[in-house]
């Protein structure tokens, strides 16, 4: 957040709280994916978040860094079994950044886009 002016602007007037809210959403998405035993659910959510953040001028690197920080924190704060599951799901979601950049004008999050 400190290194990304676009992210600070997006979350002004209180960038820290805005970014906390964004990370909280990823945590809830991780919990939902784990409860459903469906890692692709988190991957789809991250794909959508990537498109949404890109359309607002926030770089992939900023989103990727936030997910890596979340992964590192959960790896040390959760019990071993839960940490392994969280790291596995987050690693899968980070694969989104190996894909081509999304078309920010047409990307949609739908049931069919997360099935399979």
C-alpha atoms as a PDB file:
ATOM      1  CA  UNK A   1       0.000   0.000   0.000  1.00  0.00           C
ATOM      2  CA  UNK A   2       2.811   2.396   0.830  1.00  0.00           C
ATOM      3  CA  UNK A   3       4.511   1.690  -2.511  1.00  0.00           C
ATOM      4  CA  UNK A   4       1.395   1.943  -4.699  1.00  0.00           C
ATOM      5  CA  UNK A   5       0.017   5.455  -5.205  1.00  0.00           C
ATOM      6  CA  UNK A   6      -3.004   4.139  -7.136  1.00  0.00           C
ATOM      7  CA  UNK A   7      -3.962   1.854  -4.249  1.00  0.00           C
ATOM      8  CA  UNK A   8      -3.605   4.708  -1.751  1.00  0.00           C
ATOM      9  CA  UNK A   9      -5.805   6.916  -3.919  1.00  0.00           C
ATOM     10  CA  UNK A  10      -8.380   4.151  -4.361  1.00  0.00           C
ATOM     11  CA  UNK A  11      -8.734   3.759  -0.605  1.00  0.00           C
ATOM     12  CA  UNK A  12      -8.521   7.418   0.389  1.00  0.00           C
ATOM     13  CA  UNK A  13      -9.190   9.176   2.686  1.00  0.00           C
ATOM     14  CA  UNK A  14      -8.145   6.248   4.942  1.00  0.00           C
ATOM     15  CA  UNK A  15      -6.039   3.880   2.815  1.00  0.00           C
ATOM     16  CA  UNK A  16      -5.068   1.572   5.672  1.00  0.00           C
ATOM     17  CA  UNK A  17      -8.669   0.851   6.660  1.00  0.00           C
ATOM     18  CA  UNK A  18      -9.706   0.428   3.032  1.00  0.00           C
ATOM     19  CA  UNK A  19      -6.942  -2.063   2.399  1.00  0.00           C
ATOM     20  CA  UNK A  20      -7.834  -3.924   5.606  1.00  0.00           C
ATOM     21  CA  UNK A  21     -11.373  -4.255   4.279  1.00  0.00           C
ATOM     22  CA  UNK A  22     -10.021  -5.602   0.994  1.00  0.00           C
ATOM     23  CA  UNK A  23      -7.873  -8.186   2.801  1.00  0.00           C
ATOM     24  CA  UNK A  24     -10.800  -9.112   5.043  1.00  0.00           C
ATOM     25  CA  UNK A  25     -12.806  -9.901   1.926  1.00  0.00           C
ATOM     26  CA  UNK A  26     -10.039 -12.236   0.694  1.00  0.00           C
ATOM     27  CA  UNK A  27     -10.007 -13.938   4.103  1.00  0.00           C
ATOM     28  CA  UNK A  28     -13.775 -14.480   3.965  1.00  0.00           C
ATOM     29  CA  UNK A  29     -13.435 -15.845   0.428  1.00  0.00           C
ATOM     30  CA  UNK A  30     -10.715 -18.216   1.606  1.00  0.00           C
ATOM     31  CA  UNK A  31     -12.947 -19.406   4.448  1.00  0.00           C
ATOM     32  CA  UNK A  32     -15.873 -19.962   2.064  1.00  0.00           C
ATOM     33  CA  UNK A  33     -13.691 -21.904  -0.372  1.00  0.00           C
ATOM     34  CA  UNK A  34     -12.278 -24.042   2.441  1.00  0.00           C
ATOM     35  CA  UNK A  35     -15.744 -24.716   3.880  1.00  0.00           C
ATOM     36  CA  UNK A  36     -16.949 -25.786   0.425  1.00  0.00           C
ATOM     37  CA  UNK A  37     -13.741 -27.799  -0.129  1.00  0.00           C
ATOM     38  CA  UNK A  38     -13.451 -25.989  -3.460  1.00  0.00           C
ATOM     39  CA  UNK A  39     -10.173 -24.092  -4.046  1.00  0.00           C
ATOM     40  CA  UNK A  40     -11.401 -22.834  -7.413  1.00  0.00           C
ATOM     41  CA  UNK A  41     -13.900 -20.609  -5.599  1.00  0.00           C
ATOM     42  CA  UNK A  42     -11.057 -18.534  -4.145  1.00  0.00           C
ATOM     43  CA  UNK A  43      -9.243 -18.562  -7.486  1.00  0.00           C
ATOM     44  CA  UNK A  44     -12.341 -17.164  -9.220  1.00  0.00           C
ATOM     45  CA  UNK A  45     -12.719 -14.476  -6.580  1.00  0.00           C
ATOM     46  CA  UNK A  46      -9.061 -13.467  -6.960  1.00  0.00           C
ATOM     47  CA  UNK A  47      -9.454 -13.406 -10.747  1.00  0.00           C
ATOM     48  CA  UNK A  48     -12.424 -11.051 -10.357  1.00  0.00           C
ATOM     49  CA  UNK A  49     -10.590  -8.902  -7.776  1.00  0.00           C
ATOM     50  CA  UNK A  50      -7.639  -8.655 -10.148  1.00  0.00           C
ATOM     51  CA  UNK A  51      -9.877  -7.324 -12.881  1.00  0.00           C
ATOM     52  CA  UNK A  52     -11.624  -4.915 -10.527  1.00  0.00           C
ATOM     53  CA  UNK A  53      -8.362  -3.591  -9.090  1.00  0.00           C
ATOM     54  CA  UNK A  54      -6.724  -3.300 -12.516  1.00  0.00           C
ATOM     55  CA  UNK A  55      -9.676  -1.242 -13.755  1.00  0.00           C
ATOM     56  CA  UNK A  56      -9.039   1.139 -10.847  1.00  0.00           C
ATOM     57  CA  UNK A  57      -5.342   1.464 -11.638  1.00  0.00           C
ATOM     58  CA  UNK A  58      -4.059  -0.910  -8.952  1.00  0.00           C
ATOM     59  CA  UNK A  59      -1.237  -3.110 -10.201  1.00  0.00           C
ATOM     60  CA  UNK A  60      -1.158  -6.895 -10.216  1.00  0.00           C
ATOM     61  CA  UNK A  61       1.931  -6.653  -8.044  1.00  0.00           C
ATOM     62  CA  UNK A  62      -0.009  -4.889  -5.283  1.00  0.00           C
ATOM     63  CA  UNK A  63      -2.722  -7.544  -5.233  1.00  0.00           C
ATOM     64  CA  UNK A  64      -0.189 -10.367  -5.489  1.00  0.00           C
ATOM     65  CA  UNK A  65       1.834  -8.913  -2.601  1.00  0.00           C
ATOM     66  CA  UNK A  66      -1.282  -8.657  -0.435  1.00  0.00           C
ATOM     67  CA  UNK A  67      -2.097 -12.321  -1.057  1.00  0.00           C
ATOM     68  CA  UNK A  68       1.481 -13.371  -0.330  1.00  0.00           C
ATOM     69  CA  UNK A  69       1.410 -11.403   2.928  1.00  0.00           C
ATOM     70  CA  UNK A  70      -1.886 -13.029   3.882  1.00  0.00           C
ATOM     71  CA  UNK A  71      -0.402 -16.435   3.079  1.00  0.00           C
ATOM     72  CA  UNK A  72       2.712 -15.786   5.186  1.00  0.00           C
ATOM     73  CA  UNK A  73       0.640 -14.545   8.109  1.00  0.00           C
ATOM     74  CA  UNK A  74      -1.755 -17.486   8.046  1.00  0.00           C
ATOM     75  CA  UNK A  75       1.148 -19.928   7.707  1.00  0.00           C
ATOM     76  CA  UNK A  76       2.522 -18.751  11.042  1.00  0.00           C
ATOM     77  CA  UNK A  77      -0.698 -17.973  12.912  1.00  0.00           C
ATOM     78  CA  UNK A  78      -2.883 -21.008  12.163  1.00  0.00           C
ATOM     79  CA  UNK A  79      -2.532 -24.558  13.396  1.00  0.00           C
ATOM     80  CA  UNK A  80      -0.432 -26.746  11.120  1.00  0.00           C
ATOM     81  CA  UNK A  81      -3.358 -28.458   9.365  1.00  0.00           C
ATOM     82  CA  UNK A  82      -5.256 -25.212   8.829  1.00  0.00           C
ATOM     83  CA  UNK A  83      -2.106 -23.398   7.721  1.00  0.00           C
ATOM     84  CA  UNK A  84      -1.353 -26.082   5.138  1.00  0.00           C
ATOM     85  CA  UNK A  85      -4.882 -25.813   3.752  1.00  0.00           C
ATOM     86  CA  UNK A  86      -4.788 -21.993   3.630  1.00  0.00           C
ATOM     87  CA  UNK A  87      -1.365 -21.974   1.948  1.00  0.00           C
ATOM     88  CA  UNK A  88      -2.550 -24.541  -0.611  1.00  0.00           C
ATOM     89  CA  UNK A  89      -5.654 -22.496  -1.489  1.00  0.00           C
ATOM     90  CA  UNK A  90      -3.711 -19.228  -1.657  1.00  0.00           C
ATOM     91  CA  UNK A  91      -1.010 -20.802  -3.830  1.00  0.00           C
ATOM     92  CA  UNK A  92      -3.729 -21.939  -6.242  1.00  0.00           C
ATOM     93  CA  UNK A  93      -5.239 -18.443  -6.287  1.00  0.00           C
ATOM     94  CA  UNK A  94      -1.841 -16.876  -7.013  1.00  0.00           C
ATOM     95  CA  UNK A  95      -1.764 -18.861 -10.262  1.00  0.00           C
ATOM     96  CA  UNK A  96      -4.240 -16.277 -11.587  1.00  0.00           C
ATOM     97  CA  UNK A  97      -1.299 -13.924 -12.127  1.00  0.00           C
ATOM     98  CA  UNK A  98       0.255 -16.354 -14.610  1.00  0.00           C
ATOM     99  CA  UNK A  99      -2.766 -15.813 -16.877  1.00  0.00           C
ATOM    100  CA  UNK A 100      -3.069 -13.007 -19.403  1.00  0.00           C
ATOM    101  CA  UNK A 101      -4.383  -9.754 -17.994  1.00  0.00           C
ATOM    102  CA  UNK A 102      -8.174  -9.710 -18.018  1.00  0.00           C
ATOM    103  CA  UNK A 103     -10.293  -7.416 -20.151  1.00  0.00           C
ATOM    104  CA  UNK A 104     -11.434  -5.057 -17.411  1.00  0.00           C
ATOM    105  CA  UNK A 105     -14.465  -4.030 -19.447  1.00  0.00           C
ATOM    106  CA  UNK A 106     -16.032  -7.488 -19.724  1.00  0.00           C
ATOM    107  CA  UNK A 107     -14.837  -9.625 -16.791  1.00  0.00           C
ATOM    108  CA  UNK A 108     -17.745 -10.991 -14.771  1.00  0.00           C
ATOM    109  CA  UNK A 109     -17.961 -13.276 -11.785  1.00  0.00           C
ATOM    110  CA  UNK A 110     -20.660 -15.861 -12.471  1.00  0.00           C
ATOM    111  CA  UNK A 111     -21.518 -19.345 -11.287  1.00  0.00           C
ATOM    112  CA  UNK A 112     -20.542 -20.760 -14.674  1.00  0.00           C
ATOM    113  CA  UNK A 113     -17.139 -19.027 -14.586  1.00  0.00           C
ATOM    114  CA  UNK A 114     -16.324 -20.806 -11.316  1.00  0.00           C
ATOM    115  CA  UNK A 115     -17.684 -24.248 -12.118  1.00  0.00           C
ATOM    116  CA  UNK A 116     -15.777 -27.224 -13.348  1.00  0.00           C
END
